[in-house]
Structure formats: structure tokens, C-alpha cells
Amino acid sequence: MVVERMISLVFKTLNAIDTAKDTLDTLLGKNGKPNVAAPQRSARPHKVTKPTPARAAAKRSAVPKVTVPQSAVSVRSGKEIESERATKILSDLKAQGKPVIHKNAEVDGKKSLAWVMWALHSAEQAKVEEGISVHDISSLLFHAAKIEIYPINVSRMLHDHEGYIRQVSMEKRTKRYLLTEAGKSLATKPPFPG
């Protein structure tokens, strides 16, 4: 559990770095030159003054804040993602009275693999033939079982377990996945619900 939290923290940090890099790239423009005029430096020597709380506050207020639009943020949890496919799968699960995956379910000693495989199996049972994306999986897991797993972690799980999971389609840059025959066979056994 501690290891999973540390890994999650590392991935969140990496995603924050990616977001900061994207923001800097946007500010620098395509040609690498700043979009805003650089401040002019004075020719006279700079007088070194001791920082005080008042000076620090004044300096912070003078620096313009960079706001990143929500669409540029690459890290969102499943509760923040609206997915039509996840909604369709969830309504199908509820209509048929099918149980959802338990938070402690494991496959090959990995909880997140069990969760992802359950979501893919649920998609197939709901007749979603074009497959579901990492965002669909993240959204479905949160809304069905209150399991919060970020799409980047879902993606890593998909690529690390190609024996159970296959890519079935790609629309623009969005890849969609379903289970392989081995994955389908495994998804009908415990720890997966009925």
C-alpha cells in the first residue's frame, strides 16, 4: 500500500513536470523565442538588499501568474472525467444487477491489473465493440466502485500486460482496448465478480 502511494506520488510529480514543460513551451512560442518582451537590465550595478517579508510579498505580487486552461491539464482523476462509454457500461451493469469489482481484488498480485481487467470485461459484456480508452476505464472504475486510478497509471498497466489486453482501435490519438482470449478466460474466475 505504501509502495503504491509512493509510485502514485512519483507519477503525479512526473505529470506536474510535463505540465510545467508544456506551459513553458507555450510561453516560449514555436520558434523558442519568448512571446513577451524581455525586461531591460540597468547598466548601473545592482544594490544587494536584505529580503524582508514586505519586499518578498511585493515581488510575488509583481510576477504575473500563468494560468493553464483545464484542457491543457494532462492529469485528471476518474471522478473528473465525463465518459459516455463509461456511463453506458455502468448503466448496463446496474440494469443487469451485476456486481462491481472489490477494491482489494488482485490479479498476479496487482490490484490495478484486476481493476483494469474488470473494466475491460464489463465493456465487452456491455457490447462496446470498439473498446474503451484509458480515460473511460478511469471514469468507470471511479463511478462504479469509487476506485481512483489515474489514466496514466491505467496506460502503464495496459502496456505492461499485453498478454491479457489488446488494442482494438485508434481514433485520432485515442487508443481503445479490450481483453485478449487469455484475459477473457481469466476475467470469468475469482477475484472477478459473477
C-alpha atoms as a PDB file:
ATOM      1  CA  MET A   1       0.000   0.000   0.000  1.00  0.00           C
ATOM      2  CA  VAL A   2       2.831   2.377   0.859  1.00  0.00           C
ATOM      3  CA  VAL A   3       4.641   1.392  -2.323  1.00  0.00           C
ATOM      4  CA  GLU A   4       1.530   2.103  -4.422  1.00  0.00           C
ATOM      5  CA  ARG A   5       1.178   5.538  -2.836  1.00  0.00           C
ATOM      6  CA  MET A   6       4.850   6.312  -3.454  1.00  0.00           C
ATOM      7  CA  ILE A   7       4.548   5.199  -7.073  1.00  0.00           C
ATOM      8  CA  SER A   8       1.408   7.307  -7.458  1.00  0.00           C
ATOM      9  CA  LEU A   9       3.274  10.289  -5.993  1.00  0.00           C
ATOM     10  CA  VAL A  10       6.142   9.770  -8.448  1.00  0.00           C
ATOM     11  CA  PHE A  11       3.732   9.665 -11.388  1.00  0.00           C
ATOM     12  CA  LYS A  12       1.897  12.770 -10.178  1.00  0.00           C
ATOM     13  CA  THR A  13       5.245  14.560  -9.907  1.00  0.00           C
ATOM     14  CA  LEU A  14       6.215  13.480 -13.426  1.00  0.00           C
ATOM     15  CA  ASN A  15       2.883  14.687 -14.754  1.00  0.00           C
ATOM     16  CA  ALA A  16       3.326  18.041 -12.997  1.00  0.00           C
ATOM     17  CA  ILE A  17       6.744  18.372 -14.643  1.00  0.00           C
ATOM     18  CA  ASP A  18       5.203  17.584 -18.054  1.00  0.00           C
ATOM     19  CA  THR A  19       2.501  20.196 -17.481  1.00  0.00           C
ATOM     20  CA  ALA A  20       5.107  22.801 -16.490  1.00  0.00           C
ATOM     21  CA  LYS A  21       7.171  21.967 -19.590  1.00  0.00           C
ATOM     22  CA  ASP A  22       4.116  22.335 -21.829  1.00  0.00           C
ATOM     23  CA  THR A  23       3.348  25.698 -20.223  1.00  0.00           C
ATOM     24  CA  LEU A  24       6.904  26.890 -20.806  1.00  0.00           C
ATOM     25  CA  ASP A  25       6.791  25.705 -24.414  1.00  0.00           C
ATOM     26  CA  THR A  26       3.575  27.669 -24.884  1.00  0.00           C
ATOM     27  CA  LEU A  27       5.110  30.796 -23.384  1.00  0.00           C
ATOM     28  CA  LEU A  28       8.248  30.472 -25.499  1.00  0.00           C
ATOM     29  CA  GLY A  29       6.322  30.012 -28.717  1.00  0.00           C
ATOM     30  CA  LYS A  30       7.131  27.698 -31.601  1.00  0.00           C
ATOM     31  CA  ASN A  31      10.468  29.283 -32.537  1.00  0.00           C
ATOM     32  CA  GLY A  32      11.897  29.194 -28.993  1.00  0.00           C
ATOM     33  CA  LYS A  33      11.769  32.970 -28.592  1.00  0.00           C
ATOM     34  CA  PRO A  34       9.677  34.446 -25.792  1.00  0.00           C
ATOM     35  CA  ASN A  35       6.258  35.812 -26.737  1.00  0.00           C
ATOM     36  CA  VAL A  36       6.677  38.676 -24.282  1.00  0.00           C
ATOM     37  CA  ALA A  37       9.352  41.351 -24.314  1.00  0.00           C
ATOM     38  CA  ALA A  38      12.297  40.573 -22.040  1.00  0.00           C
ATOM     39  CA  PRO A  39      12.838  43.047 -19.209  1.00  0.00           C
ATOM     40  CA  GLN A  40      15.634  45.548 -19.825  1.00  0.00           C
ATOM     41  CA  ARG A  41      18.541  45.485 -17.390  1.00  0.00           C
ATOM     42  CA  SER A  42      20.041  48.601 -15.960  1.00  0.00           C
ATOM     43  CA  ALA A  43      23.683  49.420 -16.779  1.00  0.00           C
ATOM     44  CA  ARG A  44      24.407  50.503 -13.218  1.00  0.00           C
ATOM     45  CA  PRO A  45      25.403  47.921 -10.601  1.00  0.00           C
ATOM     46  CA  HIS A  46      22.627  46.300  -8.663  1.00  0.00           C
ATOM     47  CA  LYS A  47      22.425  47.101  -4.980  1.00  0.00           C
ATOM     48  CA  VAL A  48      22.038  43.982  -2.853  1.00  0.00           C
ATOM     49  CA  THR A  49      19.384  44.388  -0.196  1.00  0.00           C
ATOM     50  CA  LYS A  50      18.366  42.031   2.527  1.00  0.00           C
ATOM     51  CA  PRO A  51      14.968  40.457   1.791  1.00  0.00           C
ATOM     52  CA  THR A  52      12.137  41.313   4.132  1.00  0.00           C
ATOM     53  CA  PRO A  53       8.653  39.811   4.234  1.00  0.00           C
ATOM     54  CA  ALA A  54       7.214  43.032   2.775  1.00  0.00           C
ATOM     55  CA  ARG A  55       9.695  43.015  -0.133  1.00  0.00           C
ATOM     56  CA  ALA A  56       9.047  39.323  -0.803  1.00  0.00           C
ATOM     57  CA  ALA A  57       5.275  39.893  -0.887  1.00  0.00           C
ATOM     58  CA  ALA A  58       5.706  42.855  -3.248  1.00  0.00           C
ATOM     59  CA  LYS A  59       7.922  40.786  -5.532  1.00  0.00           C
ATOM     60  CA  ARG A  60       5.395  37.906  -5.614  1.00  0.00           C
ATOM     61  CA  SER A  61       2.544  40.243  -6.494  1.00  0.00           C
ATOM     62  CA  ALA A  62       4.610  41.787  -9.318  1.00  0.00           C
ATOM     63  CA  VAL A  63       5.123  38.412 -11.018  1.00  0.00           C
ATOM     64  CA  PRO A  64       2.251  37.587 -13.384  1.00  0.00           C
ATOM     65  CA  LYS A  65       0.574  34.264 -12.732  1.00  0.00           C
ATOM     66  CA  VAL A  66       0.400  31.772 -15.568  1.00  0.00           C
ATOM     67  CA  THR A  67      -2.924  30.003 -15.726  1.00  0.00           C
ATOM     68  CA  VAL A  68      -3.185  26.744 -17.578  1.00  0.00           C
ATOM     69  CA  PRO A  69      -6.539  26.022 -19.223  1.00  0.00           C
ATOM     70  CA  GLN A  70      -8.292  22.863 -17.990  1.00  0.00           C
ATOM     71  CA  SER A  71      -7.911  21.260 -21.409  1.00  0.00           C
ATOM     72  CA  ALA A  72      -4.109  21.510 -21.110  1.00  0.00           C
ATOM     73  CA  VAL A  73      -4.001  19.652 -17.822  1.00  0.00           C
ATOM     74  CA  SER A  74      -2.926  16.098 -18.560  1.00  0.00           C
ATOM     75  CA  VAL A  75      -3.704  14.628 -15.161  1.00  0.00           C
ATOM     76  CA  ARG A  76      -7.311  14.208 -14.084  1.00  0.00           C
ATOM     77  CA  SER A  77      -8.743  11.561 -11.855  1.00  0.00           C
ATOM     78  CA  GLY A  78     -11.682   9.371 -12.837  1.00  0.00           C
ATOM     79  CA  LYS A  79     -14.136  11.475 -10.853  1.00  0.00           C
ATOM     80  CA  GLU A  80     -13.297  14.494 -13.060  1.00  0.00           C
ATOM     81  CA  ILE A  81     -13.693  12.634 -16.354  1.00  0.00           C
ATOM     82  CA  GLU A  82     -17.024  12.503 -18.143  1.00  0.00           C
ATOM     83  CA  SER A  83     -17.166   9.463 -20.382  1.00  0.00           C
ATOM     84  CA  GLU A  84     -20.147   8.389 -22.469  1.00  0.00           C
ATOM     85  CA  ARG A  85     -18.791   4.853 -22.776  1.00  0.00           C
ATOM     86  CA  ALA A  86     -18.266   4.549 -19.017  1.00  0.00           C
ATOM     87  CA  THR A  87     -21.798   5.830 -18.415  1.00  0.00           C
ATOM     88  CA  LYS A  88     -23.193   3.288 -20.896  1.00  0.00           C
ATOM     89  CA  ILE A  89     -21.262   0.426 -19.297  1.00  0.00           C
ATOM     90  CA  LEU A  90     -22.288   1.483 -15.784  1.00  0.00           C
ATOM     91  CA  SER A  91     -25.968   1.724 -16.715  1.00  0.00           C
ATOM     92  CA  ASP A  92     -25.733  -1.742 -18.309  1.00  0.00           C
ATOM     93  CA  LEU A  93     -24.150  -3.135 -15.121  1.00  0.00           C
ATOM     94  CA  LYS A  94     -26.902  -1.619 -12.985  1.00  0.00           C
ATOM     95  CA  ALA A  95     -29.691  -2.761 -15.336  1.00  0.00           C
ATOM     96  CA  GLN A  96     -28.459  -6.353 -15.233  1.00  0.00           C
ATOM     97  CA  GLY A  97     -27.728  -6.233 -11.487  1.00  0.00           C
ATOM     98  CA  LYS A  98     -24.086  -7.211 -11.978  1.00  0.00           C
ATOM     99  CA  PRO A  99     -21.685  -6.690  -9.077  1.00  0.00           C
ATOM    100  CA  VAL A 100     -18.653  -4.401  -9.296  1.00  0.00           C
ATOM    101  CA  ILE A 101     -15.033  -5.198  -8.563  1.00  0.00           C
ATOM    102  CA  HIS A 102     -13.865  -5.032  -4.951  1.00  0.00           C
ATOM    103  CA  LYS A 103     -11.055  -2.600  -4.066  1.00  0.00           C
ATOM    104  CA  ASN A 104      -8.911  -5.431  -2.685  1.00  0.00           C
ATOM    105  CA  ALA A 105      -9.214  -7.751  -5.708  1.00  0.00           C
ATOM    106  CA  GLU A 106      -5.848  -8.782  -7.181  1.00  0.00           C
ATOM    107  CA  VAL A 107      -4.562 -10.496 -10.323  1.00  0.00           C
ATOM    108  CA  ASP A 108      -0.929 -11.610 -10.321  1.00  0.00           C
ATOM    109  CA  GLY A 109      -0.544  -9.708  -7.038  1.00  0.00           C
ATOM    110  CA  LYS A 110      -1.670  -6.400  -8.597  1.00  0.00           C
ATOM    111  CA  LYS A 111      -4.867  -4.611  -7.647  1.00  0.00           C
ATOM    112  CA  SER A 112      -4.749  -2.177 -10.540  1.00  0.00           C
ATOM    113  CA  LEU A 113      -4.497  -5.043 -13.051  1.00  0.00           C
ATOM    114  CA  ALA A 114      -7.641  -6.608 -11.569  1.00  0.00           C
ATOM    115  CA  TRP A 115      -9.472  -3.268 -11.730  1.00  0.00           C
ATOM    116  CA  VAL A 116      -8.485  -2.588 -15.347  1.00  0.00           C
ATOM    117  CA  MET A 117      -9.354  -6.127 -16.462  1.00  0.00           C
ATOM    118  CA  TRP A 118     -12.754  -5.853 -14.747  1.00  0.00           C
ATOM    119  CA  ALA A 119     -13.455  -2.581 -16.593  1.00  0.00           C
ATOM    120  CA  LEU A 120     -12.481  -4.130 -19.945  1.00  0.00           C
ATOM    121  CA  HIS A 121     -14.560  -7.247 -19.237  1.00  0.00           C
ATOM    122  CA  SER A 122     -17.526  -5.050 -18.305  1.00  0.00           C
ATOM    123  CA  ALA A 123     -17.112  -3.171 -21.604  1.00  0.00           C
ATOM    124  CA  GLU A 124     -17.276  -6.418 -23.544  1.00  0.00           C
ATOM    125  CA  GLN A 125     -20.357  -7.545 -21.617  1.00  0.00           C
ATOM    126  CA  ALA A 126     -21.986  -4.190 -22.441  1.00  0.00           C
ATOM    127  CA  LYS A 127     -21.242  -4.853 -26.134  1.00  0.00           C
ATOM    128  CA  VAL A 128     -18.786  -1.952 -26.528  1.00  0.00           C
ATOM    129  CA  GLU A 129     -17.070  -3.494 -29.547  1.00  0.00           C
ATOM    130  CA  GLU A 130     -14.843  -0.507 -30.361  1.00  0.00           C
ATOM    131  CA  GLY A 131     -13.118  -0.867 -26.968  1.00  0.00           C
ATOM    132  CA  ILE A 132     -12.583   1.701 -24.236  1.00  0.00           C
ATOM    133  CA  SER A 133      -9.826   4.235 -23.607  1.00  0.00           C
ATOM    134  CA  VAL A 134      -7.713   4.791 -20.504  1.00  0.00           C
ATOM    135  CA  HIS A 135      -9.978   7.725 -19.598  1.00  0.00           C
ATOM    136  CA  ASP A 136     -13.090   5.550 -19.993  1.00  0.00           C
ATOM    137  CA  ILE A 137     -11.542   2.934 -17.688  1.00  0.00           C
ATOM    138  CA  SER A 138     -10.574   5.518 -15.077  1.00  0.00           C
ATOM    139  CA  SER A 139     -14.044   7.063 -15.126  1.00  0.00           C
ATOM    140  CA  LEU A 140     -15.826   3.686 -14.979  1.00  0.00           C
ATOM    141  CA  LEU A 141     -13.770   2.493 -12.017  1.00  0.00           C
ATOM    142  CA  PHE A 142     -14.445   5.643 -10.041  1.00  0.00           C
ATOM    143  CA  HIS A 143     -18.160   5.902 -10.780  1.00  0.00           C
ATOM    144  CA  ALA A 144     -18.845   2.175 -10.359  1.00  0.00           C
ATOM    145  CA  ALA A 145     -16.614   1.240  -7.421  1.00  0.00           C
ATOM    146  CA  LYS A 146     -15.145   4.524  -6.106  1.00  0.00           C
ATOM    147  CA  ILE A 147     -11.683   3.306  -7.153  1.00  0.00           C
ATOM    148  CA  GLU A 148      -9.496   6.253  -8.095  1.00  0.00           C
ATOM    149  CA  ILE A 149      -6.821   5.370 -10.624  1.00  0.00           C
ATOM    150  CA  TYR A 150      -5.324   7.960 -12.940  1.00  0.00           C
ATOM    151  CA  PRO A 151      -5.372   7.395 -16.726  1.00  0.00           C
ATOM    152  CA  ILE A 152      -1.558   7.461 -16.876  1.00  0.00           C
ATOM    153  CA  ASN A 153      -1.444   4.517 -14.460  1.00  0.00           C
ATOM    154  CA  VAL A 154      -4.125   2.695 -16.462  1.00  0.00           C
ATOM    155  CA  SER A 155      -1.992   3.218 -19.565  1.00  0.00           C
ATOM    156  CA  ARG A 156       1.070   1.729 -17.897  1.00  0.00           C
ATOM    157  CA  MET A 157      -0.979  -1.271 -16.791  1.00  0.00           C
ATOM    158  CA  LEU A 158      -2.292  -1.795 -20.339  1.00  0.00           C
ATOM    159  CA  HIS A 159       1.184  -1.735 -21.867  1.00  0.00           C
ATOM    160  CA  ASP A 160       2.733  -3.951 -19.181  1.00  0.00           C
ATOM    161  CA  HIS A 161       0.157  -6.749 -19.616  1.00  0.00           C
ATOM    162  CA  GLU A 162      -0.276  -7.267 -23.348  1.00  0.00           C
ATOM    163  CA  GLY A 163      -0.927 -10.968 -22.734  1.00  0.00           C
ATOM    164  CA  TYR A 164      -4.298 -10.058 -21.211  1.00  0.00           C
ATOM    165  CA  ILE A 165      -5.088  -6.799 -23.002  1.00  0.00           C
ATOM    166  CA  ARG A 166      -5.070  -5.792 -26.675  1.00  0.00           C
ATOM    167  CA  GLN A 167      -5.517  -2.558 -28.564  1.00  0.00           C
ATOM    168  CA  VAL A 168      -8.557  -2.820 -30.849  1.00  0.00           C
ATOM    169  CA  SER A 169      -8.873   0.644 -32.370  1.00  0.00           C
ATOM    170  CA  MET A 170      -7.423   4.115 -32.539  1.00  0.00           C
ATOM    171  CA  GLU A 171      -9.354   7.325 -33.158  1.00  0.00           C
ATOM    172  CA  LYS A 172      -7.062  10.331 -33.657  1.00  0.00           C
ATOM    173  CA  ARG A 173      -4.648   9.902 -30.740  1.00  0.00           C
ATOM    174  CA  THR A 174      -7.010   7.888 -28.525  1.00  0.00           C
ATOM    175  CA  LYS A 175      -6.327   4.173 -28.327  1.00  0.00           C
ATOM    176  CA  ARG A 176      -9.074   1.778 -27.284  1.00  0.00           C
ATOM    177  CA  TYR A 177      -8.627  -1.603 -25.661  1.00  0.00           C
ATOM    178  CA  LEU A 178     -10.377  -4.906 -24.921  1.00  0.00           C
ATOM    179  CA  LEU A 179      -9.282  -8.191 -23.360  1.00  0.00           C
ATOM    180  CA  THR A 180      -7.407 -10.927 -25.238  1.00  0.00           C
ATOM    181  CA  GLU A 181      -8.710 -14.516 -25.103  1.00  0.00           C
ATOM    182  CA  ALA A 182      -6.413 -15.171 -22.114  1.00  0.00           C
ATOM    183  CA  GLY A 183      -7.750 -12.040 -20.439  1.00  0.00           C
ATOM    184  CA  LYS A 184     -11.367 -13.060 -21.076  1.00  0.00           C
ATOM    185  CA  SER A 185     -10.704 -16.500 -19.613  1.00  0.00           C
ATOM    186  CA  LEU A 186      -9.116 -15.009 -16.502  1.00  0.00           C
ATOM    187  CA  ALA A 187     -11.896 -12.423 -16.074  1.00  0.00           C
ATOM    188  CA  THR A 188     -14.509 -15.160 -15.578  1.00  0.00           C
ATOM    189  CA  LYS A 189     -12.716 -16.538 -12.485  1.00  0.00           C
ATOM    190  CA  PRO A 190     -12.261 -15.150  -8.969  1.00  0.00           C
ATOM    191  CA  PRO A 191     -11.466 -12.443  -7.861  1.00  0.00           C
ATOM    192  CA  PHE A 192     -13.794 -11.088 -10.536  1.00  0.00           C
ATOM    193  CA  PRO A 193     -17.457 -10.781  -9.540  1.00  0.00           C
ATOM    194  CA  GLY A 194     -20.079 -13.009 -11.111  1.00  0.00           C
END
